[in-house]
Amino acid sequence: MAGEIVKALGLTPQKLKPRLRLEKNNEKVLAFDMSEAAAYFGVPADTIAQRTRSTTPRATQEKQQLEIPVG
């Protein structure tokens, strides 16, 4: 099915070339925080927006989701 869509759009599939190659067994990159990763890859630290956390504790949220009004 995907092939038919590509054909209908008149596209020619191409193999993507990697922009950056990581060294094999360079496990330190797995432990980077956002600012370290941004510096390592040479992108702005706000490339991915910072997560906003809910002020309601998760246990309370889950309890509220389970409560079903009756009647």
N, C-alpha and C. Protein backbone atom coordinates (compact mmCIF):
# COMPACT_ATOMS: atom_id res chain seq x y z
N MET A 1 0.82 -1.18 0.00
CA MET A 1 0.00 0.00 0.00
C MET A 1 0.87 1.26 0.00
N ALA A 2 1.91 1.26 0.82
CA ALA A 2 2.80 2.43 0.87
C ALA A 2 3.44 2.67 -0.50
N GLY A 3 3.79 1.60 -1.16
CA GLY A 3 4.39 1.72 -2.49
C GLY A 3 3.45 2.40 -3.48
N GLU A 4 2.17 2.11 -3.38
CA GLU A 4 1.18 2.73 -4.26
C GLU A 4 1.04 4.22 -3.98
N ILE A 5 1.12 4.58 -2.71
CA ILE A 5 1.05 6.01 -2.34
C ILE A 5 2.25 6.75 -2.90
N VAL A 6 3.44 6.17 -2.74
CA VAL A 6 4.66 6.79 -3.26
C VAL A 6 4.55 6.95 -4.77
N LYS A 7 4.05 5.91 -5.41
CA LYS A 7 3.89 5.93 -6.88
C LYS A 7 2.88 7.01 -7.29
N ALA A 8 1.76 7.11 -6.58
CA ALA A 8 0.72 8.10 -6.90
C ALA A 8 1.23 9.52 -6.71
N LEU A 9 2.10 9.72 -5.74
CA LEU A 9 2.65 11.05 -5.49
C LEU A 9 3.80 11.38 -6.43
N GLY A 10 4.24 10.40 -7.20
CA GLY A 10 5.33 10.62 -8.15
C GLY A 10 6.68 10.78 -7.47
N LEU A 11 6.84 10.14 -6.32
CA LEU A 11 8.09 10.25 -5.58
C LEU A 11 9.04 9.11 -5.93
N THR A 12 10.31 9.36 -5.75
CA THR A 12 11.31 8.34 -5.93
C THR A 12 11.99 8.10 -4.58
N PRO A 13 11.82 6.93 -4.00
CA PRO A 13 12.45 6.67 -2.70
C PRO A 13 13.97 6.77 -2.79
N GLN A 14 14.55 7.39 -1.79
CA GLN A 14 16.01 7.54 -1.73
C GLN A 14 16.50 7.11 -0.36
N LYS A 15 17.66 6.54 -0.35
CA LYS A 15 18.26 6.15 0.90
C LYS A 15 18.83 7.40 1.57
N LEU A 16 18.49 7.61 2.83
CA LEU A 16 18.98 8.78 3.54
C LEU A 16 20.43 8.58 3.97
N LYS A 17 21.20 9.64 3.88
CA LYS A 17 22.57 9.60 4.35
C LYS A 17 22.61 10.11 5.78
N PRO A 18 23.29 9.41 6.67
CA PRO A 18 23.36 9.88 8.06
C PRO A 18 24.11 11.22 8.13
N ARG A 19 23.60 12.14 8.93
CA ARG A 19 24.26 13.43 9.09
C ARG A 19 25.40 13.36 10.09
N LEU A 20 25.27 12.47 11.04
CA LEU A 20 26.25 12.37 12.11
C LEU A 20 26.43 10.92 12.48
N ARG A 21 27.64 10.51 12.56
CA ARG A 21 27.91 9.14 12.98
C ARG A 21 28.43 9.16 14.41
N LEU A 22 27.84 8.34 15.25
CA LEU A 22 28.31 8.20 16.62
C LEU A 22 29.35 7.10 16.67
N GLU A 23 30.31 7.29 17.52
CA GLU A 23 31.33 6.26 17.68
C GLU A 23 30.68 5.04 18.31
N LYS A 24 31.09 3.88 17.87
CA LYS A 24 30.58 2.66 18.48
C LYS A 24 31.07 2.59 19.92
N ASN A 25 30.21 2.07 20.77
CA ASN A 25 30.52 1.89 22.19
C ASN A 25 30.76 3.20 22.92
N ASN A 26 30.24 4.31 22.42
CA ASN A 26 30.36 5.59 23.11
C ASN A 26 29.14 5.74 24.00
N GLU A 27 29.16 5.02 25.12
CA GLU A 27 27.98 4.97 25.98
C GLU A 27 27.78 6.22 26.81
N LYS A 28 28.76 7.10 26.86
CA LYS A 28 28.59 8.31 27.66
C LYS A 28 27.46 9.19 27.13
N VAL A 29 27.18 9.11 25.81
CA VAL A 29 26.10 9.93 25.26
C VAL A 29 24.73 9.49 25.79
N LEU A 30 24.63 8.26 26.26
CA LEU A 30 23.35 7.77 26.78
C LEU A 30 22.99 8.42 28.12
N ALA A 31 23.97 8.99 28.80
CA ALA A 31 23.74 9.59 30.11
C ALA A 31 23.66 11.11 30.07
N PHE A 32 23.72 11.72 28.88
CA PHE A 32 23.68 13.17 28.77
C PHE A 32 22.34 13.73 29.24
N ASP A 33 22.41 14.88 29.92
CA ASP A 33 21.17 15.62 30.14
C ASP A 33 20.97 16.51 28.92
N MET A 34 19.90 17.28 28.91
CA MET A 34 19.55 18.03 27.70
C MET A 34 20.64 19.04 27.31
N SER A 35 21.20 19.76 28.27
CA SER A 35 22.21 20.76 27.93
C SER A 35 23.50 20.10 27.43
N GLU A 36 23.88 18.98 28.00
CA GLU A 36 25.07 18.26 27.53
C GLU A 36 24.86 17.72 26.12
N ALA A 37 23.67 17.18 25.86
CA ALA A 37 23.37 16.65 24.53
C ALA A 37 23.37 17.76 23.50
N ALA A 38 22.78 18.91 23.86
CA ALA A 38 22.74 20.04 22.94
C ALA A 38 24.15 20.50 22.60
N ALA A 39 25.01 20.60 23.60
CA ALA A 39 26.39 21.02 23.37
C ALA A 39 27.13 20.00 22.50
N TYR A 40 26.93 18.72 22.77
CA TYR A 40 27.61 17.66 22.03
C TYR A 40 27.21 17.67 20.56
N PHE A 41 25.91 17.86 20.29
CA PHE A 41 25.42 17.81 18.91
C PHE A 41 25.40 19.18 18.24
N GLY A 42 25.77 20.23 18.98
CA GLY A 42 25.87 21.56 18.39
C GLY A 42 24.54 22.18 18.03
N VAL A 43 23.53 21.97 18.87
CA VAL A 43 22.21 22.57 18.64
C VAL A 43 21.82 23.39 19.87
N PRO A 44 20.87 24.33 19.73
CA PRO A 44 20.42 25.09 20.89
C PRO A 44 19.81 24.18 21.96
N ALA A 45 20.01 24.50 23.21
CA ALA A 45 19.51 23.67 24.31
C ALA A 45 17.98 23.62 24.34
N ASP A 46 17.33 24.62 23.75
CA ASP A 46 15.87 24.63 23.75
C ASP A 46 15.28 24.05 22.46
N THR A 47 16.06 23.24 21.74
CA THR A 47 15.57 22.60 20.53
C THR A 47 14.33 21.76 20.84
N ILE A 48 14.37 21.05 21.95
CA ILE A 48 13.20 20.31 22.44
C ILE A 48 12.74 21.05 23.69
N ALA A 49 11.48 21.45 23.69
CA ALA A 49 10.96 22.23 24.81
C ALA A 49 11.05 21.46 26.12
N GLN A 50 11.28 22.20 27.20
CA GLN A 50 11.36 21.58 28.52
C GLN A 50 9.99 21.06 28.91
N ARG A 51 9.98 19.91 29.54
CA ARG A 51 8.73 19.29 29.96
C ARG A 51 8.12 20.09 31.10
N THR A 52 6.81 20.29 31.05
CA THR A 52 6.13 20.95 32.16
C THR A 52 5.48 19.86 33.00
N ARG A 53 5.67 19.96 34.29
CA ARG A 53 5.13 18.96 35.20
C ARG A 53 3.83 19.44 35.81
N SER A 54 2.94 18.50 36.00
CA SER A 54 1.65 18.81 36.62
C SER A 54 1.86 19.08 38.10
N THR A 55 1.06 19.98 38.66
CA THR A 55 1.17 20.27 40.09
C THR A 55 0.37 19.28 40.91
N THR A 56 -0.49 18.49 40.27
CA THR A 56 -1.28 17.48 40.96
C THR A 56 -0.48 16.18 41.03
N PRO A 57 -0.30 15.61 42.23
CA PRO A 57 0.44 14.34 42.32
C PRO A 57 -0.20 13.26 41.46
N ARG A 58 0.62 12.39 40.90
CA ARG A 58 0.15 11.36 39.97
C ARG A 58 -0.89 10.44 40.60
N ALA A 59 -0.71 10.07 41.86
CA ALA A 59 -1.66 9.17 42.51
C ALA A 59 -3.04 9.82 42.57
N THR A 60 -3.10 11.12 42.81
CA THR A 60 -4.37 11.83 42.85
C THR A 60 -5.00 11.86 41.47
N GLN A 61 -4.19 12.08 40.44
CA GLN A 61 -4.70 12.10 39.07
C GLN A 61 -5.31 10.75 38.71
N GLU A 62 -4.62 9.67 39.06
CA GLU A 62 -5.10 8.34 38.72
C GLU A 62 -6.40 8.04 39.45
N LYS A 63 -6.49 8.47 40.71
CA LYS A 63 -7.71 8.24 41.49
C LYS A 63 -8.87 9.02 40.86
N GLN A 64 -8.63 10.24 40.45
CA GLN A 64 -9.66 11.05 39.83
C GLN A 64 -10.14 10.43 38.52
N GLN A 65 -9.23 9.82 37.79
CA GLN A 65 -9.60 9.21 36.51
C GLN A 65 -10.47 7.97 36.73
N LEU A 66 -10.30 7.30 37.87
CA LEU A 66 -11.04 6.08 38.14
C LEU A 66 -12.44 6.36 38.68
N GLU A 67 -12.67 7.52 39.26
CA GLU A 67 -13.96 7.84 39.83
C GLU A 67 -14.97 8.13 38.72
N ILE A 68 -16.06 7.39 38.76
CA ILE A 68 -17.11 7.54 37.76
C ILE A 68 -18.38 7.99 38.47
N PRO A 69 -18.92 9.16 38.13
CA PRO A 69 -20.15 9.60 38.79
C PRO A 69 -21.31 8.68 38.44
N VAL A 70 -22.09 8.35 39.46
CA VAL A 70 -23.24 7.45 39.27
C VAL A 70 -24.52 8.22 39.60
N GLY A 71 -25.48 8.09 38.70
CA GLY A 71 -26.78 8.55 38.99
C GLY A 71 -27.20 9.87 38.71
